[in-house]
Amino acid sequence: MATLAEKQAELVVAKDALNAARLAQSYGQGDRSLQRANLATLEAHVSRIAREVDELTAAGLGARTPFAVTATWQ
């Protein structure tokens, strides 16, 4: 399993890639063409990594089951 620092670094790289893809444009010349990356796939990738960073952060703060709500009855 990756460390929090590794996941944070991966998130930075993924966000940079997403921003670059948003700026890229599709164009063609002759028999060559370049198309924009699949933004939905990149956005899902960034969301997944961000969730993993949040879970690792929560676990580091002592959460036993990050993002799970548990009820207590008194």
C-alpha atoms as a PDB file:
ATOM      1  CA  MET A   1       0.000   0.000   0.000  1.00  0.00           C
ATOM      2  CA  ALA A   2       1.232   3.468  -0.853  1.00  0.00           C
ATOM      3  CA  THR A   3       2.077   5.998   1.804  1.00  0.00           C
ATOM      4  CA  LEU A   4       0.223   9.266   2.269  1.00  0.00           C
ATOM      5  CA  ALA A   5       3.148  11.228   0.820  1.00  0.00           C
ATOM      6  CA  GLU A   6       3.237   8.983  -2.262  1.00  0.00           C
ATOM      7  CA  LYS A   7      -0.495   9.397  -2.831  1.00  0.00           C
ATOM      8  CA  GLN A   8      -0.254  13.167  -2.354  1.00  0.00           C
ATOM      9  CA  ALA A   9       2.501  13.305  -4.982  1.00  0.00           C
ATOM     10  CA  GLU A  10       0.438  11.106  -7.312  1.00  0.00           C
ATOM     11  CA  LEU A  11      -2.526  13.447  -6.836  1.00  0.00           C
ATOM     12  CA  VAL A  12      -0.434  16.472  -7.828  1.00  0.00           C
ATOM     13  CA  VAL A  13       0.732  14.710 -11.004  1.00  0.00           C
ATOM     14  CA  ALA A  14      -2.822  13.593 -11.853  1.00  0.00           C
ATOM     15  CA  LYS A  15      -4.218  17.094 -11.340  1.00  0.00           C
ATOM     16  CA  ASP A  16      -1.472  18.526 -13.570  1.00  0.00           C
ATOM     17  CA  ALA A  17      -2.324  15.987 -16.275  1.00  0.00           C
ATOM     18  CA  LEU A  18      -6.018  16.841 -16.010  1.00  0.00           C
ATOM     19  CA  ASN A  19      -5.322  20.569 -16.284  1.00  0.00           C
ATOM     20  CA  ALA A  20      -3.057  19.999 -19.289  1.00  0.00           C
ATOM     21  CA  ALA A  21      -5.732  17.868 -20.975  1.00  0.00           C
ATOM     22  CA  ARG A  22      -8.341  20.564 -20.398  1.00  0.00           C
ATOM     23  CA  LEU A  23      -6.123  23.065 -22.214  1.00  0.00           C
ATOM     24  CA  ALA A  24      -5.275  20.745 -25.099  1.00  0.00           C
ATOM     25  CA  GLN A  25      -7.175  21.057 -28.338  1.00  0.00           C
ATOM     26  CA  SER A  26      -7.979  18.528 -31.020  1.00  0.00           C
ATOM     27  CA  TYR A  27      -6.633  19.213 -34.465  1.00  0.00           C
ATOM     28  CA  GLY A  28      -5.749  17.428 -37.653  1.00  0.00           C
ATOM     29  CA  GLN A  29      -3.400  17.969 -40.538  1.00  0.00           C
ATOM     30  CA  GLY A  30      -3.331  15.638 -43.492  1.00  0.00           C
ATOM     31  CA  ASP A  31      -3.482  12.056 -42.257  1.00  0.00           C
ATOM     32  CA  ARG A  32      -2.354  12.989 -38.736  1.00  0.00           C
ATOM     33  CA  SER A  33      -4.594  14.007 -35.896  1.00  0.00           C
ATOM     34  CA  LEU A  34      -4.414  14.697 -32.202  1.00  0.00           C
ATOM     35  CA  GLN A  35      -7.452  14.362 -29.985  1.00  0.00           C
ATOM     36  CA  ARG A  36      -8.178  15.583 -26.505  1.00  0.00           C
ATOM     37  CA  ALA A  37      -7.706  13.033 -23.752  1.00  0.00           C
ATOM     38  CA  ASN A  38     -10.816  11.506 -22.227  1.00  0.00           C
ATOM     39  CA  LEU A  39     -11.534  14.106 -19.542  1.00  0.00           C
ATOM     40  CA  ALA A  40     -14.109  11.931 -17.771  1.00  0.00           C
ATOM     41  CA  THR A  41     -11.510   9.198 -17.281  1.00  0.00           C
ATOM     42  CA  LEU A  42      -8.920  11.672 -15.991  1.00  0.00           C
ATOM     43  CA  GLU A  43     -11.461  13.295 -13.647  1.00  0.00           C
ATOM     44  CA  ALA A  44     -12.418   9.887 -12.236  1.00  0.00           C
ATOM     45  CA  HIS A  45      -8.728   9.080 -11.722  1.00  0.00           C
ATOM     46  CA  VAL A  46      -8.153  12.361  -9.853  1.00  0.00           C
ATOM     47  CA  SER A  47     -11.254  11.749  -7.710  1.00  0.00           C
ATOM     48  CA  ARG A  48     -10.100   8.234  -6.822  1.00  0.00           C
ATOM     49  CA  ILE A  49      -6.641   9.422  -5.798  1.00  0.00           C
ATOM     50  CA  ALA A  50      -8.114  12.327  -3.803  1.00  0.00           C
ATOM     51  CA  ARG A  51     -10.369   9.858  -1.957  1.00  0.00           C
ATOM     52  CA  GLU A  52      -7.378   7.630  -1.191  1.00  0.00           C
ATOM     53  CA  VAL A  53      -5.452  10.650   0.143  1.00  0.00           C
ATOM     54  CA  ASP A  54      -8.437  11.545   2.356  1.00  0.00           C
ATOM     55  CA  GLU A  55      -8.695   7.967   3.638  1.00  0.00           C
ATOM     56  CA  LEU A  56      -4.972   7.766   4.414  1.00  0.00           C
ATOM     57  CA  THR A  57      -5.155  11.137   6.183  1.00  0.00           C
ATOM     58  CA  ALA A  58      -8.129   9.993   8.253  1.00  0.00           C
ATOM     59  CA  ALA A  59      -6.389   6.725   9.096  1.00  0.00           C
ATOM     60  CA  GLY A  60      -3.310   8.694  10.156  1.00  0.00           C
ATOM     61  CA  LEU A  61      -5.497  10.703  12.513  1.00  0.00           C
ATOM     62  CA  GLY A  62      -6.770   7.535  14.143  1.00  0.00           C
ATOM     63  CA  ALA A  63      -9.926   6.709  12.204  1.00  0.00           C
ATOM     64  CA  ARG A  64     -10.520   2.979  12.154  1.00  0.00           C
ATOM     65  CA  THR A  65     -12.947   3.063   9.251  1.00  0.00           C
ATOM     66  CA  PRO A  66     -12.515   6.306   7.325  1.00  0.00           C
ATOM     67  CA  PHE A  67     -15.724   7.649   5.770  1.00  0.00           C
ATOM     68  CA  ALA A  68     -17.883   5.133   7.604  1.00  0.00           C
ATOM     69  CA  VAL A  69     -20.524   6.509   9.904  1.00  0.00           C
ATOM     70  CA  THR A  70     -21.110   4.532  13.038  1.00  0.00           C
ATOM     71  CA  ALA A  71     -23.979   5.069  15.422  1.00  0.00           C
ATOM     72  CA  THR A  72     -23.737   4.813  19.180  1.00  0.00           C
ATOM     73  CA  TRP A  73     -26.758   4.345  21.364  1.00  0.00           C
ATOM     74  CA  GLN A  74     -26.853   5.463  24.941  1.00  0.00           C
END
